[in-house]
Amino acid sequence: MIIPVYNAEKFLKRCIDSVLNQSYSNIEIILVDDCSTDSSKIIMDYYTKHFKNIVAIHNEKRLYPGGARNVGLDAANGNFIYFLDSDDFDNIETARMILKKRNQ
């Protein structure tokens, strides 16, 4: 799961929690900070300290959503890639449904 982050402090916790609460739990979460000026970086770092499946990357220059996604792609280790915007949240069954559909 790759989540580009830019000034998302109001939504970021809900977004990350929605991924952590998936019914399918073998998910790598890559948070890519795109030079946020709010507390998004602090939120990201909190989650990386408390969850071993979360990685935070802090861009040194602004790459915008597409560039931030590409940074996440370079860091990804999984077999499947899923993008989620930092102001969105997922249904608890999203990951399981995607894998089920893929295996049909």
N, C-alpha and C. Protein backbone atom coordinates (compact mmCIF):
# COMPACT_ATOMS: atom_id res chain seq x y z
N MET A 1 0.86 -1.16 0.00
CA MET A 1 0.00 0.00 0.00
C MET A 1 0.91 1.23 0.00
N ILE A 2 0.78 2.05 -0.98
CA ILE A 2 1.58 3.27 -1.08
C ILE A 2 0.65 4.47 -0.88
N ILE A 3 1.04 5.32 0.08
CA ILE A 3 0.23 6.48 0.40
C ILE A 3 1.10 7.74 0.32
N PRO A 4 0.93 8.55 -0.74
CA PRO A 4 1.63 9.82 -0.79
C PRO A 4 0.98 10.78 0.21
N VAL A 5 1.81 11.55 0.91
CA VAL A 5 1.31 12.41 1.97
C VAL A 5 1.79 13.84 1.74
N TYR A 6 0.85 14.77 1.73
CA TYR A 6 1.20 16.19 1.68
C TYR A 6 0.18 16.96 2.51
N ASN A 7 0.64 17.50 3.62
CA ASN A 7 -0.21 18.31 4.52
C ASN A 7 -1.56 17.63 4.79
N ALA A 8 -1.47 16.42 5.30
CA ALA A 8 -2.67 15.61 5.51
C ALA A 8 -2.96 15.35 6.99
N GLU A 9 -2.47 16.19 7.87
CA GLU A 9 -2.61 15.93 9.31
C GLU A 9 -4.05 15.70 9.75
N LYS A 10 -5.00 16.32 9.09
CA LYS A 10 -6.41 16.17 9.48
C LYS A 10 -6.98 14.79 9.14
N PHE A 11 -6.41 14.12 8.15
CA PHE A 11 -6.97 12.87 7.64
C PHE A 11 -6.05 11.67 7.80
N LEU A 12 -4.77 11.90 8.02
CA LEU A 12 -3.78 10.84 7.92
C LEU A 12 -3.99 9.68 8.89
N LYS A 13 -4.31 9.97 10.14
CA LYS A 13 -4.53 8.90 11.12
C LYS A 13 -5.66 7.98 10.68
N ARG A 14 -6.75 8.58 10.23
CA ARG A 14 -7.89 7.77 9.78
C ARG A 14 -7.50 6.90 8.58
N CYS A 15 -6.74 7.46 7.68
CA CYS A 15 -6.29 6.73 6.50
C CYS A 15 -5.43 5.53 6.90
N ILE A 16 -4.41 5.78 7.71
CA ILE A 16 -3.50 4.70 8.12
C ILE A 16 -4.25 3.65 8.94
N ASP A 17 -5.09 4.08 9.86
CA ASP A 17 -5.86 3.14 10.68
C ASP A 17 -6.77 2.26 9.82
N SER A 18 -7.31 2.82 8.75
CA SER A 18 -8.18 2.02 7.89
C SER A 18 -7.40 0.90 7.20
N VAL A 19 -6.14 1.14 6.92
CA VAL A 19 -5.30 0.09 6.32
C VAL A 19 -4.89 -0.92 7.39
N LEU A 20 -4.52 -0.44 8.56
CA LEU A 20 -4.13 -1.34 9.64
C LEU A 20 -5.28 -2.24 10.08
N ASN A 21 -6.50 -1.80 9.93
CA ASN A 21 -7.66 -2.56 10.36
C ASN A 21 -8.24 -3.47 9.28
N GLN A 22 -7.52 -3.64 8.18
CA GLN A 22 -7.99 -4.53 7.12
C GLN A 22 -8.14 -5.96 7.64
N SER A 23 -9.09 -6.70 7.11
CA SER A 23 -9.26 -8.10 7.50
C SER A 23 -8.09 -8.94 6.99
N TYR A 24 -7.42 -8.50 5.94
CA TYR A 24 -6.19 -9.12 5.45
C TYR A 24 -5.05 -8.30 6.01
N SER A 25 -4.17 -8.93 6.79
CA SER A 25 -3.20 -8.14 7.55
C SER A 25 -1.77 -8.13 7.01
N ASN A 26 -1.48 -8.92 6.01
CA ASN A 26 -0.11 -8.97 5.49
C ASN A 26 0.11 -7.85 4.47
N ILE A 27 0.10 -6.63 4.99
CA ILE A 27 0.18 -5.44 4.13
C ILE A 27 1.39 -4.59 4.52
N GLU A 28 2.20 -4.27 3.54
CA GLU A 28 3.30 -3.32 3.72
C GLU A 28 2.73 -1.93 3.41
N ILE A 29 2.92 -1.01 4.32
CA ILE A 29 2.42 0.35 4.13
C ILE A 29 3.60 1.28 3.96
N ILE A 30 3.65 1.96 2.82
CA ILE A 30 4.73 2.90 2.53
C ILE A 30 4.12 4.30 2.48
N LEU A 31 4.52 5.11 3.44
CA LEU A 31 4.06 6.50 3.52
C LEU A 31 5.15 7.38 2.92
N VAL A 32 4.81 8.16 1.93
CA VAL A 32 5.80 9.02 1.27
C VAL A 32 5.43 10.48 1.53
N ASP A 33 6.17 11.11 2.42
CA ASP A 33 5.94 12.52 2.72
C ASP A 33 6.52 13.37 1.59
N ASP A 34 5.69 14.22 1.03
CA ASP A 34 6.10 15.05 -0.10
C ASP A 34 6.33 16.49 0.35
N CYS A 35 7.17 16.63 1.37
CA CYS A 35 7.57 17.93 1.92
C CYS A 35 6.42 18.66 2.62
N SER A 36 5.69 17.93 3.43
CA SER A 36 4.59 18.52 4.20
C SER A 36 5.11 19.61 5.14
N THR A 37 4.28 20.61 5.37
CA THR A 37 4.64 21.69 6.29
C THR A 37 3.80 21.65 7.57
N ASP A 38 2.93 20.65 7.69
CA ASP A 38 2.13 20.50 8.90
C ASP A 38 2.71 19.35 9.73
N SER A 39 1.92 18.75 10.59
CA SER A 39 2.43 17.68 11.47
C SER A 39 2.33 16.28 10.85
N SER A 40 2.14 16.20 9.56
CA SER A 40 2.07 14.90 8.89
C SER A 40 3.31 14.06 9.15
N LYS A 41 4.48 14.67 9.13
CA LYS A 41 5.73 13.94 9.36
C LYS A 41 5.75 13.30 10.75
N ILE A 42 5.28 14.02 11.73
CA ILE A 42 5.26 13.51 13.11
C ILE A 42 4.31 12.32 13.20
N ILE A 43 3.16 12.41 12.57
CA ILE A 43 2.19 11.31 12.56
C ILE A 43 2.79 10.09 11.87
N MET A 44 3.43 10.30 10.73
CA MET A 44 4.06 9.20 10.01
C MET A 44 5.12 8.51 10.87
N ASP A 45 5.96 9.30 11.49
CA ASP A 45 7.04 8.73 12.31
C ASP A 45 6.50 7.99 13.52
N TYR A 46 5.40 8.46 14.09
CA TYR A 46 4.76 7.74 15.20
C TYR A 46 4.36 6.33 14.74
N TYR A 47 3.72 6.23 13.60
CA TYR A 47 3.27 4.93 13.11
C TYR A 47 4.44 4.01 12.77
N THR A 48 5.50 4.56 12.21
CA THR A 48 6.64 3.70 11.88
C THR A 48 7.31 3.14 13.13
N LYS A 49 7.26 3.87 14.22
CA LYS A 49 7.84 3.39 15.48
C LYS A 49 7.00 2.30 16.12
N HIS A 50 5.70 2.30 15.85
CA HIS A 50 4.79 1.38 16.52
C HIS A 50 4.31 0.20 15.66
N PHE A 51 4.60 0.24 14.37
CA PHE A 51 4.15 -0.84 13.48
C PHE A 51 5.29 -1.22 12.54
N LYS A 52 5.67 -2.50 12.59
CA LYS A 52 6.83 -2.94 11.81
C LYS A 52 6.54 -3.03 10.31
N ASN A 53 5.28 -3.01 9.91
CA ASN A 53 4.94 -3.09 8.49
C ASN A 53 4.76 -1.72 7.83
N ILE A 54 5.12 -0.66 8.56
CA ILE A 54 5.00 0.70 8.01
C ILE A 54 6.37 1.32 7.83
N VAL A 55 6.58 1.88 6.66
CA VAL A 55 7.82 2.58 6.32
C VAL A 55 7.47 4.02 5.98
N ALA A 56 8.23 4.96 6.48
CA ALA A 56 8.03 6.37 6.14
C ALA A 56 9.24 6.86 5.34
N ILE A 57 8.95 7.51 4.25
CA ILE A 57 9.98 8.12 3.40
C ILE A 57 9.69 9.61 3.37
N HIS A 58 10.71 10.41 3.60
CA HIS A 58 10.54 11.86 3.59
C HIS A 58 11.31 12.43 2.39
N ASN A 59 10.58 12.89 1.38
CA ASN A 59 11.22 13.48 0.20
C ASN A 59 11.95 14.76 0.58
N GLU A 60 13.07 15.00 -0.06
CA GLU A 60 13.83 16.22 0.18
C GLU A 60 13.33 17.37 -0.68
N LYS A 61 12.65 17.04 -1.78
CA LYS A 61 12.03 18.09 -2.60
C LYS A 61 10.65 17.60 -3.02
N ARG A 62 9.77 18.53 -3.29
CA ARG A 62 8.38 18.21 -3.63
C ARG A 62 8.31 17.54 -5.00
N LEU A 63 7.69 16.37 -5.05
CA LEU A 63 7.56 15.62 -6.29
C LEU A 63 6.11 15.52 -6.77
N TYR A 64 5.18 15.99 -5.94
CA TYR A 64 3.76 15.93 -6.24
C TYR A 64 3.28 14.47 -6.24
N PRO A 65 1.98 14.23 -6.32
CA PRO A 65 1.47 12.87 -6.09
C PRO A 65 2.11 11.78 -6.96
N GLY A 66 2.24 12.04 -8.24
CA GLY A 66 2.81 11.03 -9.14
C GLY A 66 4.25 10.69 -8.78
N GLY A 67 5.05 11.70 -8.51
CA GLY A 67 6.44 11.48 -8.13
C GLY A 67 6.55 10.77 -6.79
N ALA A 68 5.69 11.14 -5.84
CA ALA A 68 5.69 10.48 -4.53
C ALA A 68 5.29 9.01 -4.68
N ARG A 69 4.34 8.73 -5.53
CA ARG A 69 3.96 7.33 -5.79
C ARG A 69 5.13 6.55 -6.38
N ASN A 70 5.87 7.17 -7.28
CA ASN A 70 7.04 6.50 -7.87
C ASN A 70 8.10 6.20 -6.83
N VAL A 71 8.31 7.11 -5.88
CA VAL A 71 9.25 6.86 -4.78
C VAL A 71 8.78 5.65 -3.98
N GLY A 72 7.48 5.58 -3.73
CA GLY A 72 6.91 4.43 -3.03
C GLY A 72 7.09 3.14 -3.80
N LEU A 73 6.90 3.20 -5.11
CA LEU A 73 7.10 2.01 -5.95
C LEU A 73 8.53 1.50 -5.84
N ASP A 74 9.49 2.40 -5.84
CA ASP A 74 10.89 2.01 -5.73
C ASP A 74 11.19 1.32 -4.40
N ALA A 75 10.44 1.66 -3.37
CA ALA A 75 10.69 1.10 -2.04
C ALA A 75 9.86 -0.15 -1.75
N ALA A 76 8.87 -0.43 -2.58
CA ALA A 76 7.94 -1.53 -2.31
C ALA A 76 8.60 -2.89 -2.45
N ASN A 77 8.18 -3.81 -1.58
CA ASN A 77 8.69 -5.18 -1.60
C ASN A 77 7.62 -6.21 -1.93
N GLY A 78 6.37 -5.82 -1.95
CA GLY A 78 5.27 -6.76 -2.13
C GLY A 78 5.07 -7.18 -3.57
N ASN A 79 4.20 -8.17 -3.75
CA ASN A 79 3.86 -8.68 -5.08
C ASN A 79 2.77 -7.85 -5.75
N PHE A 80 2.00 -7.13 -4.96
CA PHE A 80 0.90 -6.32 -5.47
C PHE A 80 1.04 -4.91 -4.92
N ILE A 81 0.67 -3.95 -5.74
CA ILE A 81 0.75 -2.54 -5.35
C ILE A 81 -0.66 -1.96 -5.35
N TYR A 82 -0.94 -1.19 -4.31
CA TYR A 82 -2.24 -0.52 -4.20
C TYR A 82 -1.95 0.89 -3.72
N PHE A 83 -2.55 1.87 -4.37
CA PHE A 83 -2.38 3.27 -3.99
C PHE A 83 -3.60 3.76 -3.23
N LEU A 84 -3.35 4.55 -2.22
CA LEU A 84 -4.43 5.18 -1.46
C LEU A 84 -4.00 6.61 -1.18
N ASP A 85 -4.90 7.55 -1.40
CA ASP A 85 -4.59 8.95 -1.08
C ASP A 85 -4.71 9.16 0.43
N SER A 86 -3.92 10.08 0.95
CA SER A 86 -3.86 10.28 2.40
C SER A 86 -5.13 10.86 3.00
N ASP A 87 -6.03 11.36 2.19
CA ASP A 87 -7.31 11.86 2.71
C ASP A 87 -8.44 10.86 2.49
N ASP A 88 -8.10 9.65 2.06
CA ASP A 88 -9.07 8.59 1.86
C ASP A 88 -8.95 7.55 2.96
N PHE A 89 -9.91 6.66 3.03
CA PHE A 89 -9.81 5.52 3.92
C PHE A 89 -10.47 4.33 3.24
N ASP A 90 -10.03 3.14 3.64
CA ASP A 90 -10.48 1.92 2.99
C ASP A 90 -11.50 1.16 3.81
N ASN A 91 -12.36 0.46 3.11
CA ASN A 91 -13.26 -0.50 3.72
C ASN A 91 -12.43 -1.62 4.32
N ILE A 92 -12.88 -2.21 5.39
CA ILE A 92 -12.12 -3.25 6.09
C ILE A 92 -11.83 -4.47 5.20
N GLU A 93 -12.59 -4.67 4.15
CA GLU A 93 -12.43 -5.84 3.28
C GLU A 93 -11.72 -5.53 1.96
N THR A 94 -11.27 -4.32 1.75
CA THR A 94 -10.71 -3.94 0.45
C THR A 94 -9.55 -4.84 0.02
N ALA A 95 -8.56 -5.02 0.85
CA ALA A 95 -7.40 -5.83 0.48
C ALA A 95 -7.80 -7.27 0.19
N ARG A 96 -8.64 -7.84 1.02
CA ARG A 96 -9.09 -9.23 0.82
C ARG A 96 -9.87 -9.35 -0.50
N MET A 97 -10.71 -8.37 -0.82
CA MET A 97 -11.49 -8.42 -2.06
C MET A 97 -10.58 -8.32 -3.29
N ILE A 98 -9.57 -7.46 -3.21
CA ILE A 98 -8.64 -7.32 -4.33
C ILE A 98 -7.89 -8.63 -4.56
N LEU A 99 -7.39 -9.25 -3.51
CA LEU A 99 -6.68 -10.52 -3.65
C LEU A 99 -7.59 -11.63 -4.14
N LYS A 100 -8.81 -11.66 -3.67
CA LYS A 100 -9.76 -12.67 -4.10
C LYS A 100 -10.03 -12.52 -5.59
N LYS A 101 -10.24 -11.29 -6.03
CA LYS A 101 -10.50 -11.02 -7.46
C LYS A 101 -9.30 -11.40 -8.30
N ARG A 102 -8.13 -11.11 -7.82
CA ARG A 102 -6.89 -11.42 -8.54
C ARG A 102 -6.70 -12.93 -8.68
N ASN A 103 -7.11 -13.69 -7.68
CA ASN A 103 -6.92 -15.15 -7.68
C ASN A 103 -8.01 -15.90 -8.46
N GLN A 104 -9.01 -15.20 -8.95
CA GLN A 104 -10.10 -15.88 -9.70
C GLN A 104 -9.68 -16.16 -11.11
